C-alpha atoms as a PDB file:
ATOM      1  CA  UNK A   1     132.024  81.182 114.188  1.00  0.00           C
ATOM      2  CA  UNK A   2     129.388  78.022 114.606  1.00  0.00           C
ATOM      3  CA  UNK A   3     127.208  76.611 112.439  1.00  0.00           C
ATOM      4  CA  UNK A   4     124.179  78.228 113.541  1.00  0.00           C
ATOM      5  CA  UNK A   5     125.482  81.906 113.889  1.00  0.00           C
ATOM      6  CA  UNK A   6     126.835  81.379 110.430  1.00  0.00           C
ATOM      7  CA  UNK A   7     123.133  80.613 108.768  1.00  0.00           C
ATOM      8  CA  UNK A   8     121.386  83.418 110.954  1.00  0.00           C
ATOM      9  CA  UNK A   9     124.166  85.989 109.772  1.00  0.00           C
ATOM     10  CA  UNK A  10     123.405  84.419 105.835  1.00  0.00           C
ATOM     11  CA  UNK A  11     119.657  85.359 106.513  1.00  0.00           C
ATOM     12  CA  UNK A  12     120.513  88.556 108.066  1.00  0.00           C
ATOM     13  CA  UNK A  13     122.428  89.506 104.745  1.00  0.00           C
ATOM     14  CA  UNK A  14     119.718  88.067 102.615  1.00  0.00           C
ATOM     15  CA  UNK A  15     117.127  89.804 104.499  1.00  0.00           C
ATOM     16  CA  UNK A  16     119.040  93.581 104.601  1.00  0.00           C
ATOM     17  CA  UNK A  17     119.834  93.567 100.945  1.00  0.00           C
ATOM     18  CA  UNK A  18     116.115  92.264  99.629  1.00  0.00           C
ATOM     19  CA  UNK A  19     114.971  94.525 102.488  1.00  0.00           C
ATOM     20  CA  UNK A  20     116.827  97.772 101.170  1.00  0.00           C
ATOM     21  CA  UNK A  21     116.535  96.989  97.274  1.00  0.00           C
ATOM     22  CA  UNK A  22     113.223  96.697  97.353  1.00  0.00           C
ATOM     23  CA  UNK A  23     112.677  99.682  99.327  1.00  0.00           C
ATOM     24  CA  UNK A  24     114.564 102.158  97.344  1.00  0.00           C
ATOM     25  CA  UNK A  25     112.153 101.094  94.407  1.00  0.00           C
ATOM     26  CA  UNK A  26     109.131 102.006  96.755  1.00  0.00           C
ATOM     27  CA  UNK A  27     111.129 105.376  98.031  1.00  0.00           C
ATOM     28  CA  UNK A  28     110.963 106.287  94.006  1.00  0.00           C
ATOM     29  CA  UNK A  29     107.060 105.811  94.033  1.00  0.00           C
ATOM     30  CA  UNK A  30     106.738 107.770  97.249  1.00  0.00           C
ATOM     31  CA  UNK A  31     108.404 110.468  95.522  1.00  0.00           C
ATOM     32  CA  UNK A  32     107.028 110.072  91.807  1.00  0.00           C
ATOM     33  CA  UNK A  33     103.639 109.153  92.564  1.00  0.00           C
ATOM     34  CA  UNK A  34     101.827 105.570  90.855  1.00  0.00           C
ATOM     35  CA  UNK A  35     100.644 106.830  87.662  1.00  0.00           C
ATOM     36  CA  UNK A  36     102.972 104.487  85.671  1.00  0.00           C
ATOM     37  CA  UNK A  37     101.551 101.614  87.813  1.00  0.00           C
ATOM     38  CA  UNK A  38      97.983 102.711  87.801  1.00  0.00           C
ATOM     39  CA  UNK A  39      97.967 103.307  84.071  1.00  0.00           C
ATOM     40  CA  UNK A  40      99.698  99.299  83.577  1.00  0.00           C
ATOM     41  CA  UNK A  41      96.553  98.059  85.966  1.00  0.00           C
ATOM     42  CA  UNK A  42      94.248  99.914  84.031  1.00  0.00           C
ATOM     43  CA  UNK A  43      95.173  98.561  80.680  1.00  0.00           C
ATOM     44  CA  UNK A  44      95.457  94.833  82.002  1.00  0.00           C
ATOM     45  CA  UNK A  45      91.282  95.563  83.336  1.00  0.00           C
ATOM     46  CA  UNK A  46      91.856  95.971  86.582  1.00  0.00           C
ATOM     47  CA  UNK A  47      91.004  98.996  89.012  1.00  0.00           C
ATOM     48  CA  UNK A  48      93.672 101.882  89.419  1.00  0.00           C
ATOM     49  CA  UNK A  49      93.543 101.619  93.253  1.00  0.00           C
ATOM     50  CA  UNK A  50      95.361  98.470  92.816  1.00  0.00           C
ATOM     51  CA  UNK A  51      98.341 100.420  92.693  1.00  0.00           C
ATOM     52  CA  UNK A  52      98.370 101.135  96.389  1.00  0.00           C
ATOM     53  CA  UNK A  53      99.373  97.383  96.925  1.00  0.00           C
ATOM     54  CA  UNK A  54     103.064  98.187  95.236  1.00  0.00           C
ATOM     55  CA  UNK A  55     103.422 101.009  98.445  1.00  0.00           C
ATOM     56  CA  UNK A  56     102.642  97.991 100.677  1.00  0.00           C
ATOM     57  CA  UNK A  57     105.142  95.478  98.528  1.00  0.00           C
ATOM     58  CA  UNK A  58     107.346  97.849  98.156  1.00  0.00           C
ATOM     59  CA  UNK A  59     107.571 100.385 101.483  1.00  0.00           C
ATOM     60  CA  UNK A  60     105.826  98.078 104.527  1.00  0.00           C
ATOM     61  CA  UNK A  61     106.861  94.667 103.470  1.00  0.00           C
ATOM     62  CA  UNK A  62     110.546  95.716 102.782  1.00  0.00           C
ATOM     63  CA  UNK A  63     110.372  97.082 106.405  1.00  0.00           C
ATOM     64  CA  UNK A  64     109.221  94.090 107.886  1.00  0.00           C
ATOM     65  CA  UNK A  65     112.108  92.493 106.084  1.00  0.00           C
ATOM     66  CA  UNK A  66     114.709  94.718 107.169  1.00  0.00           C
ATOM     67  CA  UNK A  67     113.740  94.438 110.575  1.00  0.00           C
ATOM     68  CA  UNK A  68     112.914  90.965 110.834  1.00  0.00           C
ATOM     69  CA  UNK A  69     109.139  91.736 112.014  1.00  0.00           C
ATOM     70  CA  UNK A  70     106.726  88.983 110.947  1.00  0.00           C
ATOM     71  CA  UNK A  71     109.559  88.632 107.924  1.00  0.00           C
ATOM     72  CA  UNK A  72     108.010  85.382 106.498  1.00  0.00           C
ATOM     73  CA  UNK A  73     104.918  87.659 105.911  1.00  0.00           C
ATOM     74  CA  UNK A  74     106.690  90.595 104.834  1.00  0.00           C
ATOM     75  CA  UNK A  75     108.759  88.592 102.315  1.00  0.00           C
ATOM     76  CA  UNK A  76     105.518  86.645 101.079  1.00  0.00           C
ATOM     77  CA  UNK A  77     103.960  90.439 100.133  1.00  0.00           C
ATOM     78  CA  UNK A  78     107.297  90.821  98.275  1.00  0.00           C
ATOM     79  CA  UNK A  79     107.021  87.932  96.025  1.00  0.00           C
ATOM     80  CA  UNK A  80     103.782  88.653  95.353  1.00  0.00           C
ATOM     81  CA  UNK A  81     104.045  92.043  94.527  1.00  0.00           C
ATOM     82  CA  UNK A  82     106.960  90.745  92.164  1.00  0.00           C
ATOM     83  CA  UNK A  83     104.315  88.642  90.535  1.00  0.00           C
ATOM     84  CA  UNK A  84     102.160  91.673  90.122  1.00  0.00           C
ATOM     85  CA  UNK A  85     105.441  93.118  88.253  1.00  0.00           C
ATOM     86  CA  UNK A  86     106.074  90.078  86.108  1.00  0.00           C
ATOM     87  CA  UNK A  87     102.627  89.891  84.878  1.00  0.00           C
ATOM     88  CA  UNK A  88     102.163  93.772  84.566  1.00  0.00           C
ATOM     89  CA  UNK A  89     105.309  94.781  83.125  1.00  0.00           C
ATOM     90  CA  UNK A  90     107.699  92.326  82.152  1.00  0.00           C
ATOM     91  CA  UNK A  91     106.027  89.371  80.576  1.00  0.00           C
ATOM     92  CA  UNK A  92     107.187  90.054  76.752  1.00  0.00           C
ATOM     93  CA  UNK A  93     110.715  89.714  78.910  1.00  0.00           C
ATOM     94  CA  UNK A  94     110.011  86.769  80.209  1.00  0.00           C
ATOM     95  CA  UNK A  95     111.887  83.806  77.726  1.00  0.00           C
ATOM     96  CA  UNK A  96     114.521  86.926  76.751  1.00  0.00           C
ATOM     97  CA  UNK A  97     118.084  87.620  77.392  1.00  0.00           C
ATOM     98  CA  UNK A  98     120.170  90.869  77.683  1.00  0.00           C
ATOM     99  CA  UNK A  99     123.295  91.735  75.816  1.00  0.00           C
ATOM    100  CA  UNK A 100     125.443  90.103  78.315  1.00  0.00           C
ATOM    101  CA  UNK A 101     123.859  86.754  77.697  1.00  0.00           C
ATOM    102  CA  UNK A 102     121.987  86.665  80.981  1.00  0.00           C
ATOM    103  CA  UNK A 103     118.311  86.626  81.383  1.00  0.00           C
ATOM    104  CA  UNK A 104     116.432  90.042  80.799  1.00  0.00           C
ATOM    105  CA  UNK A 105     114.671  89.503  83.878  1.00  0.00           C
ATOM    106  CA  UNK A 106     117.398  88.412  86.483  1.00  0.00           C
ATOM    107  CA  UNK A 107     117.046  91.228  88.826  1.00  0.00           C
ATOM    108  CA  UNK A 108     113.415  90.773  89.269  1.00  0.00           C
ATOM    109  CA  UNK A 109     113.984  86.851  89.390  1.00  0.00           C
ATOM    110  CA  UNK A 110     116.553  87.696  92.268  1.00  0.00           C
ATOM    111  CA  UNK A 111     114.041  89.692  93.863  1.00  0.00           C
ATOM    112  CA  UNK A 112     111.013  87.371  93.761  1.00  0.00           C
ATOM    113  CA  UNK A 113     113.418  84.178  94.755  1.00  0.00           C
ATOM    114  CA  UNK A 114     114.998  85.778  97.661  1.00  0.00           C
ATOM    115  CA  UNK A 115     111.889  86.392  98.846  1.00  0.00           C
ATOM    116  CA  UNK A 116     110.639  82.982  98.504  1.00  0.00           C
ATOM    117  CA  UNK A 117     114.128  81.916 100.116  1.00  0.00           C
ATOM    118  CA  UNK A 118     113.313  84.086 103.094  1.00  0.00           C
ATOM    119  CA  UNK A 119     109.998  82.608 103.590  1.00  0.00           C
ATOM    120  CA  UNK A 120     111.128  78.989 103.840  1.00  0.00           C
ATOM    121  CA  UNK A 121     114.034  80.116 105.908  1.00  0.00           C
ATOM    122  CA  UNK A 122     112.819  82.573 108.117  1.00  0.00           C
ATOM    123  CA  UNK A 123     114.438  85.555 109.783  1.00  0.00           C
ATOM    124  CA  UNK A 124     117.186  83.870 111.764  1.00  0.00           C
ATOM    125  CA  UNK A 125     118.076  84.888 115.213  1.00  0.00           C
ATOM    126  CA  UNK A 126     118.993  88.550 114.455  1.00  0.00           C
ATOM    127  CA  UNK A 127     115.184  89.529 113.747  1.00  0.00           C
ATOM    128  CA  UNK A 128     112.643  91.399 116.239  1.00  0.00           C
ATOM    129  CA  UNK A 129     110.405  88.694 116.832  1.00  0.00           C
ATOM    130  CA  UNK A 130     112.281  85.280 114.929  1.00  0.00           C
ATOM    131  CA  UNK A 131     109.635  84.086 112.589  1.00  0.00           C
END
């Protein structure tokens, strides 16, 4: 396997994992509603309708990343969505470690920085529009 094929395969793996794992959060929100997100937004002085942005960030954007359809834009939306998650739900954990000694927000951090990596790297050859 040549170097370019290996890089494109790595980008595909990164896209598929990030898209699938974020999409699961979106599916849960579709099933269970946006009430908790609306509550967090209102508690921070923001309008409740912004909760619908979480559906864009956790349903639409992951589908874009999975398909490689304007994947950089989809990944950027996921990154912004994760920054909102940090600010609304996880600020108290920012400097904490978990019971095993890892960062308490390692999953959220992995989502954020994987999305940033896709923004920087692009989707690779195995995508709908390779942008």
